[in-house]
């Protein structure tokens, strides 16, 4: 049997997975099966998110609504795509600058 592959999850993914349980009232095992992750791991994420929500409420903060959380995730994805575009442009710019220097007749 091959060894289990270890996967790394972003904080946003963990929060979203936890809220699939918290907001819907579904069981941890249902959501874990749907996402293809270990129920024990999802249980820990749900516990941490519930603690975070309780702590925020104790300080007078209200948790994000599902629609607000979805918009935040959309914006984060958009920023990530823009960062990738910027990295590409920086590399392309450096490449073309180097090509200009190596062109015959340039000094």
C-alpha atoms as a PDB file:
ATOM      1  CA  UNK A   1       0.000   0.000   0.000  1.00  0.00           C
ATOM      2  CA  UNK A   2       1.524   3.371  -0.985  1.00  0.00           C
ATOM      3  CA  UNK A   3       2.074   5.924   1.790  1.00  0.00           C
ATOM      4  CA  UNK A   4      -0.640   8.524   2.278  1.00  0.00           C
ATOM      5  CA  UNK A   5       0.055  11.764   0.525  1.00  0.00           C
ATOM      6  CA  UNK A   6       0.218  14.698   2.923  1.00  0.00           C
ATOM      7  CA  UNK A   7      -1.720  17.744   1.753  1.00  0.00           C
ATOM      8  CA  UNK A   8      -1.504  21.298   2.968  1.00  0.00           C
ATOM      9  CA  UNK A   9      -4.617  23.460   3.296  1.00  0.00           C
ATOM     10  CA  UNK A  10      -4.872  27.240   3.326  1.00  0.00           C
ATOM     11  CA  UNK A  11      -6.472  29.044   6.249  1.00  0.00           C
ATOM     12  CA  UNK A  12      -9.267  30.197   3.940  1.00  0.00           C
ATOM     13  CA  UNK A  13     -10.003  26.622   2.889  1.00  0.00           C
ATOM     14  CA  UNK A  14     -10.175  25.476   6.517  1.00  0.00           C
ATOM     15  CA  UNK A  15     -12.561  28.302   7.469  1.00  0.00           C
ATOM     16  CA  UNK A  16     -14.763  27.674   4.437  1.00  0.00           C
ATOM     17  CA  UNK A  17     -14.896  23.940   5.136  1.00  0.00           C
ATOM     18  CA  UNK A  18     -15.769  24.607   8.781  1.00  0.00           C
ATOM     19  CA  UNK A  19     -18.556  26.970   7.757  1.00  0.00           C
ATOM     20  CA  UNK A  20     -20.007  24.324   5.465  1.00  0.00           C
ATOM     21  CA  UNK A  21     -20.738  22.460   8.685  1.00  0.00           C
ATOM     22  CA  UNK A  22     -21.576  25.423  10.937  1.00  0.00           C
ATOM     23  CA  UNK A  23     -23.840  27.315   8.527  1.00  0.00           C
ATOM     24  CA  UNK A  24     -25.669  24.337   7.068  1.00  0.00           C
ATOM     25  CA  UNK A  25     -26.224  22.252  10.182  1.00  0.00           C
ATOM     26  CA  UNK A  26     -24.955  19.179   8.312  1.00  0.00           C
ATOM     27  CA  UNK A  27     -22.777  16.639  10.056  1.00  0.00           C
ATOM     28  CA  UNK A  28     -19.007  16.745   9.951  1.00  0.00           C
ATOM     29  CA  UNK A  29     -18.874  13.305   8.330  1.00  0.00           C
ATOM     30  CA  UNK A  30     -21.234  14.404   5.514  1.00  0.00           C
ATOM     31  CA  UNK A  31     -19.187  17.483   4.691  1.00  0.00           C
ATOM     32  CA  UNK A  32     -15.884  15.603   5.041  1.00  0.00           C
ATOM     33  CA  UNK A  33     -17.097  12.951   2.614  1.00  0.00           C
ATOM     34  CA  UNK A  34     -18.238  15.658   0.184  1.00  0.00           C
ATOM     35  CA  UNK A  35     -14.850  17.416   0.348  1.00  0.00           C
ATOM     36  CA  UNK A  36     -12.828  14.202   0.373  1.00  0.00           C
ATOM     37  CA  UNK A  37     -11.032  15.013   3.620  1.00  0.00           C
ATOM     38  CA  UNK A  38     -10.596  13.275   6.965  1.00  0.00           C
ATOM     39  CA  UNK A  39     -13.565  13.842   9.326  1.00  0.00           C
ATOM     40  CA  UNK A  40     -11.232  14.153  12.331  1.00  0.00           C
ATOM     41  CA  UNK A  41      -9.316  16.939  10.642  1.00  0.00           C
ATOM     42  CA  UNK A  42     -12.536  18.750   9.697  1.00  0.00           C
ATOM     43  CA  UNK A  43     -13.752  18.340  13.274  1.00  0.00           C
ATOM     44  CA  UNK A  44     -10.679  20.213  14.526  1.00  0.00           C
ATOM     45  CA  UNK A  45     -11.247  22.992  11.968  1.00  0.00           C
ATOM     46  CA  UNK A  46     -14.892  23.323  13.060  1.00  0.00           C
ATOM     47  CA  UNK A  47     -13.873  23.445  16.727  1.00  0.00           C
ATOM     48  CA  UNK A  48     -11.288  26.171  16.022  1.00  0.00           C
ATOM     49  CA  UNK A  49     -13.738  28.220  13.955  1.00  0.00           C
ATOM     50  CA  UNK A  50     -16.435  27.988  16.633  1.00  0.00           C
ATOM     51  CA  UNK A  51     -13.885  29.177  19.225  1.00  0.00           C
ATOM     52  CA  UNK A  52     -12.874  32.054  16.965  1.00  0.00           C
ATOM     53  CA  UNK A  53     -16.523  33.060  16.466  1.00  0.00           C
ATOM     54  CA  UNK A  54     -17.187  32.915  20.224  1.00  0.00           C
ATOM     55  CA  UNK A  55     -14.084  35.005  20.968  1.00  0.00           C
ATOM     56  CA  UNK A  56     -15.061  37.579  18.337  1.00  0.00           C
ATOM     57  CA  UNK A  57     -18.579  37.841  19.744  1.00  0.00           C
ATOM     58  CA  UNK A  58     -17.153  38.331  23.252  1.00  0.00           C
ATOM     59  CA  UNK A  59     -15.350  41.417  21.910  1.00  0.00           C
ATOM     60  CA  UNK A  60     -18.485  42.711  20.187  1.00  0.00           C
ATOM     61  CA  UNK A  61     -17.437  41.625  16.691  1.00  0.00           C
ATOM     62  CA  UNK A  62     -19.931  39.881  14.467  1.00  0.00           C
ATOM     63  CA  UNK A  63     -18.819  37.065  12.162  1.00  0.00           C
ATOM     64  CA  UNK A  64     -19.066  37.490   8.421  1.00  0.00           C
ATOM     65  CA  UNK A  65     -22.290  36.391   6.792  1.00  0.00           C
ATOM     66  CA  UNK A  66     -21.967  33.610   4.210  1.00  0.00           C
ATOM     67  CA  UNK A  67     -22.429  36.126   1.360  1.00  0.00           C
ATOM     68  CA  UNK A  68     -19.732  38.392   2.816  1.00  0.00           C
ATOM     69  CA  UNK A  69     -17.372  35.429   3.209  1.00  0.00           C
ATOM     70  CA  UNK A  70     -18.028  34.387  -0.409  1.00  0.00           C
ATOM     71  CA  UNK A  71     -17.274  37.921  -1.603  1.00  0.00           C
ATOM     72  CA  UNK A  72     -14.079  37.987   0.458  1.00  0.00           C
ATOM     73  CA  UNK A  73     -12.961  34.698  -1.093  1.00  0.00           C
ATOM     74  CA  UNK A  74     -13.755  36.014  -4.577  1.00  0.00           C
ATOM     75  CA  UNK A  75     -11.681  39.126  -3.923  1.00  0.00           C
ATOM     76  CA  UNK A  76      -8.783  37.073  -2.536  1.00  0.00           C
ATOM     77  CA  UNK A  77      -8.791  34.898  -5.662  1.00  0.00           C
ATOM     78  CA  UNK A  78      -8.859  38.027  -7.819  1.00  0.00           C
ATOM     79  CA  UNK A  79      -5.891  39.504  -5.925  1.00  0.00           C
ATOM     80  CA  UNK A  80      -3.983  36.224  -6.281  1.00  0.00           C
ATOM     81  CA  UNK A  81      -4.568  36.256 -10.046  1.00  0.00           C
ATOM     82  CA  UNK A  82      -3.426  39.885 -10.275  1.00  0.00           C
ATOM     83  CA  UNK A  83      -0.282  39.032  -8.300  1.00  0.00           C
ATOM     84  CA  UNK A  84       0.468  36.209 -10.756  1.00  0.00           C
ATOM     85  CA  UNK A  85      -0.021  38.636 -13.654  1.00  0.00           C
ATOM     86  CA  UNK A  86       2.329  41.150 -12.024  1.00  0.00           C
ATOM     87  CA  UNK A  87       5.001  38.490 -11.452  1.00  0.00           C
ATOM     88  CA  UNK A  88       4.762  37.503 -15.102  1.00  0.00           C
ATOM     89  CA  UNK A  89       5.068  41.127 -16.239  1.00  0.00           C
ATOM     90  CA  UNK A  90       8.142  41.678 -14.044  1.00  0.00           C
ATOM     91  CA  UNK A  91       9.826  38.584 -15.513  1.00  0.00           C
ATOM     92  CA  UNK A  92       8.841  39.527 -19.063  1.00  0.00           C
ATOM     93  CA  UNK A  93      10.099  43.065 -18.570  1.00  0.00           C
ATOM     94  CA  UNK A  94      13.450  41.820 -17.264  1.00  0.00           C
ATOM     95  CA  UNK A  95      13.707  39.379 -20.163  1.00  0.00           C
ATOM     96  CA  UNK A  96      13.031  42.055 -22.786  1.00  0.00           C
ATOM     97  CA  UNK A  97      15.422  44.494 -21.103  1.00  0.00           C
ATOM     98  CA  UNK A  98      18.151  41.830 -21.220  1.00  0.00           C
ATOM     99  CA  UNK A  99      17.373  41.112 -24.874  1.00  0.00           C
ATOM    100  CA  UNK A 100      17.695  44.823 -25.712  1.00  0.00           C
ATOM    101  CA  UNK A 101      21.142  44.963 -24.113  1.00  0.00           C
ATOM    102  CA  UNK A 102      22.320  41.908 -26.068  1.00  0.00           C
ATOM    103  CA  UNK A 103      21.057  43.188 -29.404  1.00  0.00           C
ATOM    104  CA  UNK A 104      23.743  43.986 -31.984  1.00  0.00           C
ATOM    105  CA  UNK A 105      24.430  47.699 -32.179  1.00  0.00           C
ATOM    106  CA  UNK A 106      23.158  48.487 -28.687  1.00  0.00           C
ATOM    107  CA  UNK A 107      25.577  49.806 -26.117  1.00  0.00           C
END
